[in-house]
Amino acid sequence: MSAVTVTLSVAARERRESFVRSIRQLCQQATPGNRGNHLSTRSTIWVIAFLALSACGESPLADIGRRSSDWVNEPTALTTTTVPVTVPVVSAADELIWFNDDLGSPIDADPELVVEQVFARREGDRFIQASRAEIAIALGGIAFPTQIPPLVEYVTSQLVIENSGVVSDNPSAAFGLWTAEPYTRSRSVAQSVVLRVSLDASAAEEIRNEDADVSCGRFIDTTTDSCEVEDNEGRPLWVLKSNAGTTMIWFQGNYRYEMFGRPFVAVEALRQSAASMAPLEDTLIGPA
């Protein structure tokens, strides 16, 4: 055994003997016979407990509270994460519900006979409800957007026929794009876009000339707040804005198209719709 070990053992024994003597003295003072002692029994017990703890090491109270913190759960701070949602500018038109398609699917492709059939169900208004098949036959070459503003679900379609039974030139057909079932809510809320198509072969031919007048003077009126002329697939596109909404006008084939969007419809959605025109008859084929 080394000298260091012997020295440490002697020191430890002396501390233990001193501690025992102190405990005995305190116990004698706490006995009922020692009435004159200032220490109460309760105080003596606390002192004994403290001395006992002191004998256990330099920091006997260091772990008090540490164990309880191991099982007391701190409140969990809730955090939320915002996931960005991208709303498309336009949506594909191939899933639209054509509200009037059950009115007729003519087998005969004779435009005059189809117009007569539509005119027979007239109820006083020039705008007569007609299926897209009827309109596609009556107005050969008419087009419809393949991309439409988002949230549109339904399309209403009318063929415009004069009292004489002849298809009108201005407009010739009209399409309403609805976000809810047609006529169950007001047009100002549910009918977000209206597309009017006019047979205007002479103006269409004029516009195709390089020196044609494509100024805003062609279409502005007293309700127009602003007008710009843009390019639409190589053709002029008139963009007119007013308090009522935005109207885009362009020529394609022998027809003049006027697409009106209410103020809550994005102008870019109208612009992309105008650039996505395809023959209406192609929508009757359906997806492959």
C-alpha atoms as a PDB file:
ATOM      1  CA  MET A   1       0.000   0.000   0.000  1.00  0.00           C
ATOM      2  CA  SER A   2       1.440   3.405  -0.939  1.00  0.00           C
ATOM      3  CA  ALA A   3       1.936   6.351   1.404  1.00  0.00           C
ATOM      4  CA  VAL A   4      -0.728   8.359  -0.417  1.00  0.00           C
ATOM      5  CA  THR A   5      -3.330   5.622   0.135  1.00  0.00           C
ATOM      6  CA  VAL A   6      -2.514   5.389   3.878  1.00  0.00           C
ATOM      7  CA  THR A   7      -2.774   9.145   4.321  1.00  0.00           C
ATOM      8  CA  LEU A   8      -6.174   9.295   2.559  1.00  0.00           C
ATOM      9  CA  SER A   9      -7.566   6.405   4.665  1.00  0.00           C
ATOM     10  CA  VAL A  10      -6.497   8.054   7.970  1.00  0.00           C
ATOM     11  CA  ALA A  11      -8.038  11.376   6.931  1.00  0.00           C
ATOM     12  CA  ALA A  12     -11.325   9.707   5.951  1.00  0.00           C
ATOM     13  CA  ARG A  13     -11.484   7.800   9.311  1.00  0.00           C
ATOM     14  CA  GLU A  14     -10.888  11.019  11.277  1.00  0.00           C
ATOM     15  CA  ARG A  15     -13.704  12.823   9.414  1.00  0.00           C
ATOM     16  CA  ARG A  16     -16.098   9.935  10.058  1.00  0.00           C
ATOM     17  CA  GLU A  17     -15.272   9.822  13.807  1.00  0.00           C
ATOM     18  CA  SER A  18     -15.693  13.612  14.069  1.00  0.00           C
ATOM     19  CA  PHE A  19     -19.043  13.346  12.314  1.00  0.00           C
ATOM     20  CA  VAL A  20     -20.240  10.601  14.707  1.00  0.00           C
ATOM     21  CA  ARG A  21     -19.273  12.651  17.764  1.00  0.00           C
ATOM     22  CA  SER A  22     -21.215  15.657  16.397  1.00  0.00           C
ATOM     23  CA  ILE A  23     -24.293  13.519  15.821  1.00  0.00           C
ATOM     24  CA  ARG A  24     -24.184  12.133  19.369  1.00  0.00           C
ATOM     25  CA  GLN A  25     -23.867  15.598  20.893  1.00  0.00           C
ATOM     26  CA  LEU A  26     -26.857  16.852  18.921  1.00  0.00           C
ATOM     27  CA  CYS A  27     -28.915  13.836  19.880  1.00  0.00           C
ATOM     28  CA  GLN A  28     -28.130  14.444  23.601  1.00  0.00           C
ATOM     29  CA  GLN A  29     -29.168  18.085  23.238  1.00  0.00           C
ATOM     30  CA  ALA A  30     -32.451  17.038  21.572  1.00  0.00           C
ATOM     31  CA  THR A  31     -33.460  14.664  24.415  1.00  0.00           C
ATOM     32  CA  PRO A  32     -36.418  15.734  26.610  1.00  0.00           C
ATOM     33  CA  GLY A  33     -34.108  16.098  29.657  1.00  0.00           C
ATOM     34  CA  ASN A  34     -32.174  18.993  28.212  1.00  0.00           C
ATOM     35  CA  ARG A  35     -34.881  21.626  28.691  1.00  0.00           C
ATOM     36  CA  GLY A  36     -32.473  24.543  28.761  1.00  0.00           C
ATOM     37  CA  ASN A  37     -30.935  23.901  25.365  1.00  0.00           C
ATOM     38  CA  HIS A  38     -31.810  26.430  22.668  1.00  0.00           C
ATOM     39  CA  LEU A  39     -32.158  23.839  19.896  1.00  0.00           C
ATOM     40  CA  SER A  40     -35.606  22.440  19.345  1.00  0.00           C
ATOM     41  CA  THR A  41     -36.069  18.841  18.363  1.00  0.00           C
ATOM     42  CA  ARG A  42     -37.167  19.846  14.862  1.00  0.00           C
ATOM     43  CA  SER A  43     -34.132  22.115  14.343  1.00  0.00           C
ATOM     44  CA  THR A  44     -31.834  19.355  15.547  1.00  0.00           C
ATOM     45  CA  ILE A  45     -33.286  16.915  13.073  1.00  0.00           C
ATOM     46  CA  TRP A  46     -32.682  19.372  10.187  1.00  0.00           C
ATOM     47  CA  VAL A  47     -29.075  19.932  11.285  1.00  0.00           C
ATOM     48  CA  ILE A  48     -28.479  16.179  11.514  1.00  0.00           C
ATOM     49  CA  ALA A  49     -29.910  15.701   8.059  1.00  0.00           C
ATOM     50  CA  PHE A  50     -27.706  18.457   6.674  1.00  0.00           C
ATOM     51  CA  LEU A  51     -24.571  17.017   8.275  1.00  0.00           C
ATOM     52  CA  ALA A  52     -25.455  13.585   6.920  1.00  0.00           C
ATOM     53  CA  LEU A  53     -25.744  14.989   3.437  1.00  0.00           C
ATOM     54  CA  SER A  54     -22.486  16.897   3.888  1.00  0.00           C
ATOM     55  CA  ALA A  55     -20.714  13.661   4.580  1.00  0.00           C
ATOM     56  CA  CYS A  56     -21.785  12.307   1.229  1.00  0.00           C
ATOM     57  CA  GLY A  57     -19.564  14.582  -0.807  1.00  0.00           C
ATOM     58  CA  GLU A  58     -18.870  18.145  -1.827  1.00  0.00           C
ATOM     59  CA  SER A  59     -22.165  18.736  -3.690  1.00  0.00           C
ATOM     60  CA  PRO A  60     -24.852  16.395  -2.305  1.00  0.00           C
ATOM     61  CA  LEU A  61     -27.683  18.656  -3.512  1.00  0.00           C
ATOM     62  CA  ALA A  62     -26.376  19.136  -7.006  1.00  0.00           C
ATOM     63  CA  ASP A  63     -28.814  16.632  -8.520  1.00  0.00           C
ATOM     64  CA  ILE A  64     -31.907  17.902  -6.700  1.00  0.00           C
ATOM     65  CA  GLY A  65     -34.364  18.966  -9.402  1.00  0.00           C
ATOM     66  CA  ARG A  66     -32.333  17.360 -12.161  1.00  0.00           C
ATOM     67  CA  ARG A  67     -34.164  14.052 -11.938  1.00  0.00           C
ATOM     68  CA  SER A  68     -37.582  15.733 -11.912  1.00  0.00           C
ATOM     69  CA  SER A  69     -36.659  17.689 -15.013  1.00  0.00           C
ATOM     70  CA  ASP A  70     -36.073  14.382 -16.753  1.00  0.00           C
ATOM     71  CA  TRP A  71     -39.760  13.459 -16.563  1.00  0.00           C
ATOM     72  CA  VAL A  72     -41.527  16.828 -16.504  1.00  0.00           C
ATOM     73  CA  ASN A  73     -42.433  17.548 -20.146  1.00  0.00           C
ATOM     74  CA  GLU A  74     -41.920  21.095 -21.281  1.00  0.00           C
ATOM     75  CA  PRO A  75     -44.785  22.545 -23.375  1.00  0.00           C
ATOM     76  CA  THR A  76     -44.221  21.913 -27.061  1.00  0.00           C
ATOM     77  CA  ALA A  77     -44.273  25.009 -29.231  1.00  0.00           C
ATOM     78  CA  LEU A  78     -46.487  24.382 -32.246  1.00  0.00           C
ATOM     79  CA  THR A  79     -45.196  25.601 -35.561  1.00  0.00           C
ATOM     80  CA  THR A  80     -47.134  25.958 -38.790  1.00  0.00           C
ATOM     81  CA  THR A  81     -45.795  25.739 -42.301  1.00  0.00           C
ATOM     82  CA  THR A  82     -47.452  27.535 -45.180  1.00  0.00           C
ATOM     83  CA  VAL A  83     -47.402  25.472 -48.347  1.00  0.00           C
ATOM     84  CA  PRO A  84     -47.610  27.675 -51.433  1.00  0.00           C
ATOM     85  CA  VAL A  85     -50.432  26.687 -53.780  1.00  0.00           C
ATOM     86  CA  THR A  86     -50.089  27.614 -57.414  1.00  0.00           C
ATOM     87  CA  VAL A  87     -53.356  28.386 -59.155  1.00  0.00           C
ATOM     88  CA  PRO A  88     -53.084  27.830 -62.910  1.00  0.00           C
ATOM     89  CA  VAL A  89     -53.741  30.819 -65.147  1.00  0.00           C
ATOM     90  CA  VAL A  90     -55.887  28.687 -67.454  1.00  0.00           C
ATOM     91  CA  SER A  91     -57.344  25.181 -67.499  1.00  0.00           C
ATOM     92  CA  ALA A  92     -58.034  22.707 -70.269  1.00  0.00           C
ATOM     93  CA  ALA A  93     -61.489  23.069 -71.825  1.00  0.00           C
ATOM     94  CA  ASP A  94     -61.934  19.389 -72.633  1.00  0.00           C
ATOM     95  CA  GLU A  95     -63.651  18.658 -69.308  1.00  0.00           C
ATOM     96  CA  LEU A  96     -66.285  21.369 -69.588  1.00  0.00           C
ATOM     97  CA  ILE A  97     -69.934  20.468 -69.261  1.00  0.00           C
ATOM     98  CA  TRP A  98     -71.845  21.747 -72.269  1.00  0.00           C
ATOM     99  CA  PHE A  99     -75.186  22.660 -70.771  1.00  0.00           C
ATOM    100  CA  ASN A 100     -77.177  22.547 -74.036  1.00  0.00           C
ATOM    101  CA  ASP A 101     -75.697  19.478 -75.678  1.00  0.00           C
ATOM    102  CA  ASP A 102     -78.845  17.476 -75.070  1.00  0.00           C
ATOM    103  CA  LEU A 103     -80.856  19.832 -77.284  1.00  0.00           C
ATOM    104  CA  GLY A 104     -79.699  18.289 -80.516  1.00  0.00           C
ATOM    105  CA  SER A 105     -77.114  16.181 -82.265  1.00  0.00           C
ATOM    106  CA  PRO A 106     -78.105  16.659 -85.878  1.00  0.00           C
ATOM    107  CA  ILE A 107     -77.342  13.835 -88.265  1.00  0.00           C
ATOM    108  CA  ASP A 108     -77.958  16.016 -91.291  1.00  0.00           C
ATOM    109  CA  ALA A 109     -75.024  18.398 -91.841  1.00  0.00           C
ATOM    110  CA  ASP A 110     -77.098  20.854 -93.890  1.00  0.00           C
ATOM    111  CA  PRO A 111     -76.653  24.240 -92.153  1.00  0.00           C
ATOM    112  CA  GLU A 112     -80.019  25.591 -93.333  1.00  0.00           C
ATOM    113  CA  LEU A 113     -81.925  22.612 -91.932  1.00  0.00           C
ATOM    114  CA  VAL A 114     -80.090  22.884 -88.623  1.00  0.00           C
ATOM    115  CA  VAL A 115     -80.916  26.598 -88.376  1.00  0.00           C
ATOM    116  CA  GLU A 116     -84.587  25.785 -89.032  1.00  0.00           C
ATOM    117  CA  GLN A 117     -84.581  23.219 -86.248  1.00  0.00           C
ATOM    118  CA  VAL A 118     -83.068  25.679 -83.789  1.00  0.00           C
ATOM    119  CA  PHE A 119     -85.388  28.485 -84.887  1.00  0.00           C
ATOM    120  CA  ALA A 120     -88.415  26.219 -84.269  1.00  0.00           C
ATOM    121  CA  ARG A 121     -87.780  26.289 -80.512  1.00  0.00           C
ATOM    122  CA  ARG A 122     -87.459  30.064 -80.333  1.00  0.00           C
ATOM    123  CA  GLU A 123     -89.290  31.675 -77.432  1.00  0.00           C
ATOM    124  CA  GLY A 124     -89.121  35.303 -78.473  1.00  0.00           C
ATOM    125  CA  ASP A 125     -85.401  36.074 -78.012  1.00  0.00           C
ATOM    126  CA  ARG A 126     -82.880  36.141 -80.843  1.00  0.00           C
ATOM    127  CA  PHE A 127     -80.491  34.209 -78.620  1.00  0.00           C
ATOM    128  CA  ILE A 128     -81.768  30.650 -78.881  1.00  0.00           C
ATOM    129  CA  GLN A 129     -80.326  27.833 -76.814  1.00  0.00           C
ATOM    130  CA  ALA A 130     -78.479  25.423 -79.120  1.00  0.00           C
ATOM    131  CA  SER A 131     -76.057  22.546 -78.791  1.00  0.00           C
ATOM    132  CA  ARG A 132     -72.450  22.971 -79.854  1.00  0.00           C
ATOM    133  CA  ALA A 133     -73.049  20.412 -82.622  1.00  0.00           C
ATOM    134  CA  GLU A 134     -75.812  22.603 -84.039  1.00  0.00           C
ATOM    135  CA  ILE A 135     -73.663  25.717 -83.819  1.00  0.00           C
ATOM    136  CA  ALA A 136     -70.655  23.986 -85.395  1.00  0.00           C
ATOM    137  CA  ILE A 137     -72.806  23.008 -88.398  1.00  0.00           C
ATOM    138  CA  ALA A 138     -74.670  26.316 -88.724  1.00  0.00           C
ATOM    139  CA  LEU A 139     -71.457  28.353 -88.522  1.00  0.00           C
ATOM    140  CA  GLY A 140     -68.801  26.407 -90.376  1.00  0.00           C
ATOM    141  CA  GLY A 141     -65.265  27.136 -89.201  1.00  0.00           C
ATOM    142  CA  ILE A 142     -66.285  28.713 -85.881  1.00  0.00           C
ATOM    143  CA  ALA A 143     -63.673  28.240 -83.150  1.00  0.00           C
ATOM    144  CA  PHE A 144     -63.649  27.894 -79.384  1.00  0.00           C
ATOM    145  CA  PRO A 145     -60.818  28.179 -76.814  1.00  0.00           C
ATOM    146  CA  THR A 146     -58.984  25.043 -75.764  1.00  0.00           C
ATOM    147  CA  GLN A 147     -57.746  26.873 -72.647  1.00  0.00           C
ATOM    148  CA  ILE A 148     -60.122  28.706 -70.341  1.00  0.00           C
ATOM    149  CA  PRO A 149     -59.896  30.663 -67.084  1.00  0.00           C
ATOM    150  CA  PRO A 150     -59.748  28.422 -63.986  1.00  0.00           C
ATOM    151  CA  LEU A 151     -62.829  27.352 -62.021  1.00  0.00           C
ATOM    152  CA  VAL A 152     -65.068  27.378 -65.099  1.00  0.00           C
ATOM    153  CA  GLU A 153     -67.156  24.193 -65.222  1.00  0.00           C
ATOM    154  CA  TYR A 154     -70.123  24.823 -67.538  1.00  0.00           C
ATOM    155  CA  VAL A 155     -70.729  26.330 -70.966  1.00  0.00           C
ATOM    156  CA  THR A 156     -74.027  27.619 -72.293  1.00  0.00           C
ATOM    157  CA  SER A 157     -74.351  28.086 -76.038  1.00  0.00           C
ATOM    158  CA  GLN A 158     -76.786  30.077 -78.175  1.00  0.00           C
ATOM    159  CA  LEU A 159     -77.299  30.533 -81.873  1.00  0.00           C
ATOM    160  CA  VAL A 160     -78.506  34.053 -82.713  1.00  0.00           C
ATOM    161  CA  ILE A 161     -81.288  34.041 -85.328  1.00  0.00           C
ATOM    162  CA  GLU A 162     -83.197  37.057 -86.660  1.00  0.00           C
ATOM    163  CA  ASN A 163     -86.979  37.187 -86.989  1.00  0.00           C
ATOM    164  CA  SER A 164     -86.542  36.273 -90.637  1.00  0.00           C
ATOM    165  CA  GLY A 165     -85.071  32.929 -89.638  1.00  0.00           C
ATOM    166  CA  VAL A 166     -81.581  33.863 -90.839  1.00  0.00           C
ATOM    167  CA  VAL A 167     -78.552  33.671 -88.584  1.00  0.00           C
ATOM    168  CA  SER A 168     -77.545  37.132 -87.387  1.00  0.00           C
ATOM    169  CA  ASP A 169     -74.235  38.672 -88.368  1.00  0.00           C
ATOM    170  CA  ASN A 170     -73.674  40.558 -85.111  1.00  0.00           C
ATOM    171  CA  PRO A 171     -73.440  38.417 -83.119  1.00  0.00           C
ATOM    172  CA  SER A 172     -73.955  35.045 -84.709  1.00  0.00           C
ATOM    173  CA  ALA A 173     -73.378  32.905 -81.617  1.00  0.00           C
ATOM    174  CA  ALA A 174     -72.695  33.364 -77.935  1.00  0.00           C
ATOM    175  CA  PHE A 175     -71.065  31.212 -75.271  1.00  0.00           C
ATOM    176  CA  GLY A 176     -71.287  31.716 -71.523  1.00  0.00           C
ATOM    177  CA  LEU A 177     -68.634  30.269 -69.229  1.00  0.00           C
ATOM    178  CA  TRP A 178     -69.956  29.525 -65.752  1.00  0.00           C
ATOM    179  CA  THR A 179     -68.328  28.543 -62.467  1.00  0.00           C
ATOM    180  CA  ALA A 180     -71.636  27.099 -61.210  1.00  0.00           C
ATOM    181  CA  GLU A 181     -74.594  25.398 -62.839  1.00  0.00           C
ATOM    182  CA  PRO A 182     -76.042  27.933 -65.295  1.00  0.00           C
ATOM    183  CA  TYR A 183     -78.949  30.089 -64.168  1.00  0.00           C
ATOM    184  CA  THR A 184     -78.797  28.859 -60.567  1.00  0.00           C
ATOM    185  CA  ARG A 185     -76.859  31.986 -59.589  1.00  0.00           C
ATOM    186  CA  SER A 186     -76.687  35.486 -60.983  1.00  0.00           C
ATOM    187  CA  ARG A 187     -74.591  36.123 -64.081  1.00  0.00           C
ATOM    188  CA  SER A 188     -72.522  38.745 -62.281  1.00  0.00           C
ATOM    189  CA  VAL A 189     -71.312  36.060 -59.863  1.00  0.00           C
ATOM    190  CA  ALA A 190     -71.255  32.752 -61.731  1.00  0.00           C
ATOM    191  CA  GLN A 191     -70.908  33.720 -65.391  1.00  0.00           C
ATOM    192  CA  SER A 192     -67.284  34.813 -65.463  1.00  0.00           C
ATOM    193  CA  VAL A 193     -66.701  35.008 -69.234  1.00  0.00           C
ATOM    194  CA  VAL A 194     -68.878  35.651 -72.286  1.00  0.00           C
ATOM    195  CA  LEU A 195     -67.624  34.912 -75.796  1.00  0.00           C
ATOM    196  CA  ARG A 196     -69.544  36.432 -78.704  1.00  0.00           C
ATOM    197  CA  VAL A 197     -68.807  35.445 -82.281  1.00  0.00           C
ATOM    198  CA  SER A 198     -69.862  37.555 -85.248  1.00  0.00           C
ATOM    199  CA  LEU A 199     -69.707  36.708 -88.940  1.00  0.00           C
ATOM    200  CA  ASP A 200     -67.679  39.657 -90.265  1.00  0.00           C
ATOM    201  CA  ALA A 201     -65.896  38.476 -93.406  1.00  0.00           C
ATOM    202  CA  SER A 202     -65.295  41.958 -94.882  1.00  0.00           C
ATOM    203  CA  ALA A 203     -63.607  43.341 -91.744  1.00  0.00           C
ATOM    204  CA  ALA A 204     -61.612  40.146 -91.352  1.00  0.00           C
ATOM    205  CA  GLU A 205     -60.293  40.505 -94.890  1.00  0.00           C
ATOM    206  CA  GLU A 206     -59.413  44.129 -94.289  1.00  0.00           C
ATOM    207  CA  ILE A 207     -57.488  43.364 -91.114  1.00  0.00           C
ATOM    208  CA  ARG A 208     -55.350  40.850 -92.960  1.00  0.00           C
ATOM    209  CA  ASN A 209     -53.873  43.642 -95.115  1.00  0.00           C
ATOM    210  CA  GLU A 210     -50.539  45.004 -93.957  1.00  0.00           C
ATOM    211  CA  ASP A 211     -51.710  48.640 -94.145  1.00  0.00           C
ATOM    212  CA  ALA A 212     -54.955  47.984 -92.266  1.00  0.00           C
ATOM    213  CA  ASP A 213     -56.093  50.363 -89.570  1.00  0.00           C
ATOM    214  CA  VAL A 214     -55.733  48.437 -86.336  1.00  0.00           C
ATOM    215  CA  SER A 215     -56.068  51.402 -84.007  1.00  0.00           C
ATOM    216  CA  CYS A 216     -58.316  51.361 -80.953  1.00  0.00           C
ATOM    217  CA  GLY A 217     -60.668  53.714 -82.763  1.00  0.00           C
ATOM    218  CA  ARG A 218     -62.372  50.684 -84.297  1.00  0.00           C
ATOM    219  CA  PHE A 219     -63.900  49.516 -81.059  1.00  0.00           C
ATOM    220  CA  ILE A 220     -63.688  52.083 -78.252  1.00  0.00           C
ATOM    221  CA  ASP A 221     -66.864  53.712 -77.003  1.00  0.00           C
ATOM    222  CA  THR A 222     -67.910  55.977 -74.156  1.00  0.00           C
ATOM    223  CA  THR A 223     -67.536  53.188 -71.596  1.00  0.00           C
ATOM    224  CA  THR A 224     -63.916  52.392 -72.516  1.00  0.00           C
ATOM    225  CA  ASP A 225     -61.342  53.442 -69.910  1.00  0.00           C
ATOM    226  CA  SER A 226     -58.264  52.199 -71.784  1.00  0.00           C
ATOM    227  CA  CYS A 227     -57.339  50.338 -74.960  1.00  0.00           C
ATOM    228  CA  GLU A 228     -54.203  48.612 -76.190  1.00  0.00           C
ATOM    229  CA  VAL A 229     -53.434  46.617 -79.310  1.00  0.00           C
ATOM    230  CA  GLU A 230     -51.358  43.488 -78.783  1.00  0.00           C
ATOM    231  CA  ASP A 231     -50.222  40.570 -80.901  1.00  0.00           C
ATOM    232  CA  ASN A 232     -52.301  37.391 -80.822  1.00  0.00           C
ATOM    233  CA  GLU A 233     -50.676  34.578 -82.764  1.00  0.00           C
ATOM    234  CA  GLY A 234     -49.659  37.026 -85.494  1.00  0.00           C
ATOM    235  CA  ARG A 235     -53.014  38.819 -85.438  1.00  0.00           C
ATOM    236  CA  PRO A 236     -53.942  42.109 -83.741  1.00  0.00           C
ATOM    237  CA  LEU A 237     -55.641  41.746 -80.392  1.00  0.00           C
ATOM    238  CA  TRP A 238     -57.585  44.693 -79.010  1.00  0.00           C
ATOM    239  CA  VAL A 239     -57.653  44.840 -75.198  1.00  0.00           C
ATOM    240  CA  LEU A 240     -60.318  47.197 -73.889  1.00  0.00           C
ATOM    241  CA  LYS A 241     -60.867  47.843 -70.200  1.00  0.00           C
ATOM    242  CA  SER A 242     -63.788  49.440 -68.397  1.00  0.00           C
ATOM    243  CA  ASN A 243     -65.436  49.352 -64.993  1.00  0.00           C
ATOM    244  CA  ALA A 244     -67.465  46.338 -66.118  1.00  0.00           C
ATOM    245  CA  GLY A 245     -64.395  44.238 -66.960  1.00  0.00           C
ATOM    246  CA  THR A 246     -61.998  43.462 -69.820  1.00  0.00           C
ATOM    247  CA  THR A 247     -62.937  42.786 -73.435  1.00  0.00           C
ATOM    248  CA  MET A 248     -60.564  41.242 -75.959  1.00  0.00           C
ATOM    249  CA  ILE A 249     -61.359  41.426 -79.671  1.00  0.00           C
ATOM    250  CA  TRP A 250     -59.654  39.638 -82.554  1.00  0.00           C
ATOM    251  CA  PHE A 251     -60.398  38.225 -86.004  1.00  0.00           C
ATOM    252  CA  GLN A 252     -59.911  34.629 -87.038  1.00  0.00           C
ATOM    253  CA  GLY A 253     -61.140  33.226 -90.341  1.00  0.00           C
ATOM    254  CA  ASN A 254     -64.300  35.094 -91.270  1.00  0.00           C
ATOM    255  CA  TYR A 255     -65.320  35.682 -87.683  1.00  0.00           C
ATOM    256  CA  ARG A 256     -64.820  38.448 -85.143  1.00  0.00           C
ATOM    257  CA  TYR A 257     -64.435  37.205 -81.582  1.00  0.00           C
ATOM    258  CA  GLU A 258     -65.232  39.318 -78.529  1.00  0.00           C
ATOM    259  CA  MET A 259     -64.304  37.787 -75.187  1.00  0.00           C
ATOM    260  CA  PHE A 260     -65.539  39.642 -72.130  1.00  0.00           C
ATOM    261  CA  GLY A 261     -64.247  38.823 -68.651  1.00  0.00           C
ATOM    262  CA  ARG A 262     -65.601  40.239 -65.444  1.00  0.00           C
ATOM    263  CA  PRO A 263     -63.250  42.199 -63.159  1.00  0.00           C
ATOM    264  CA  PHE A 264     -62.351  39.114 -61.102  1.00  0.00           C
ATOM    265  CA  VAL A 265     -61.052  37.263 -64.177  1.00  0.00           C
ATOM    266  CA  ALA A 266     -57.308  37.683 -64.751  1.00  0.00           C
ATOM    267  CA  VAL A 267     -56.411  39.524 -67.948  1.00  0.00           C
ATOM    268  CA  GLU A 268     -53.661  37.008 -68.634  1.00  0.00           C
ATOM    269  CA  ALA A 269     -56.231  34.199 -68.495  1.00  0.00           C
ATOM    270  CA  LEU A 270     -58.288  35.946 -71.159  1.00  0.00           C
ATOM    271  CA  ARG A 271     -55.163  36.536 -73.230  1.00  0.00           C
ATOM    272  CA  GLN A 272     -54.150  32.881 -73.138  1.00  0.00           C
ATOM    273  CA  SER A 273     -57.696  31.782 -73.924  1.00  0.00           C
ATOM    274  CA  ALA A 274     -57.762  34.015 -76.991  1.00  0.00           C
ATOM    275  CA  ALA A 275     -54.498  32.443 -78.165  1.00  0.00           C
ATOM    276  CA  SER A 276     -55.830  28.866 -77.832  1.00  0.00           C
ATOM    277  CA  MET A 277     -58.650  28.867 -80.378  1.00  0.00           C
ATOM    278  CA  ALA A 278     -59.443  25.639 -82.254  1.00  0.00           C
ATOM    279  CA  PRO A 279     -62.393  24.521 -84.422  1.00  0.00           C
ATOM    280  CA  LEU A 280     -65.510  23.957 -82.342  1.00  0.00           C
ATOM    281  CA  GLU A 281     -66.247  20.748 -84.208  1.00  0.00           C
ATOM    282  CA  ASP A 282     -63.011  19.280 -82.819  1.00  0.00           C
ATOM    283  CA  THR A 283     -64.483  19.404 -79.304  1.00  0.00           C
ATOM    284  CA  LEU A 284     -67.183  16.976 -80.419  1.00  0.00           C
ATOM    285  CA  ILE A 285     -64.661  14.237 -81.115  1.00  0.00           C
ATOM    286  CA  GLY A 286     -63.512  14.022 -77.507  1.00  0.00           C
ATOM    287  CA  PRO A 287     -60.215  12.641 -76.186  1.00  0.00           C
ATOM    288  CA  ALA A 288     -58.652   9.711 -78.013  1.00  0.00           C
END
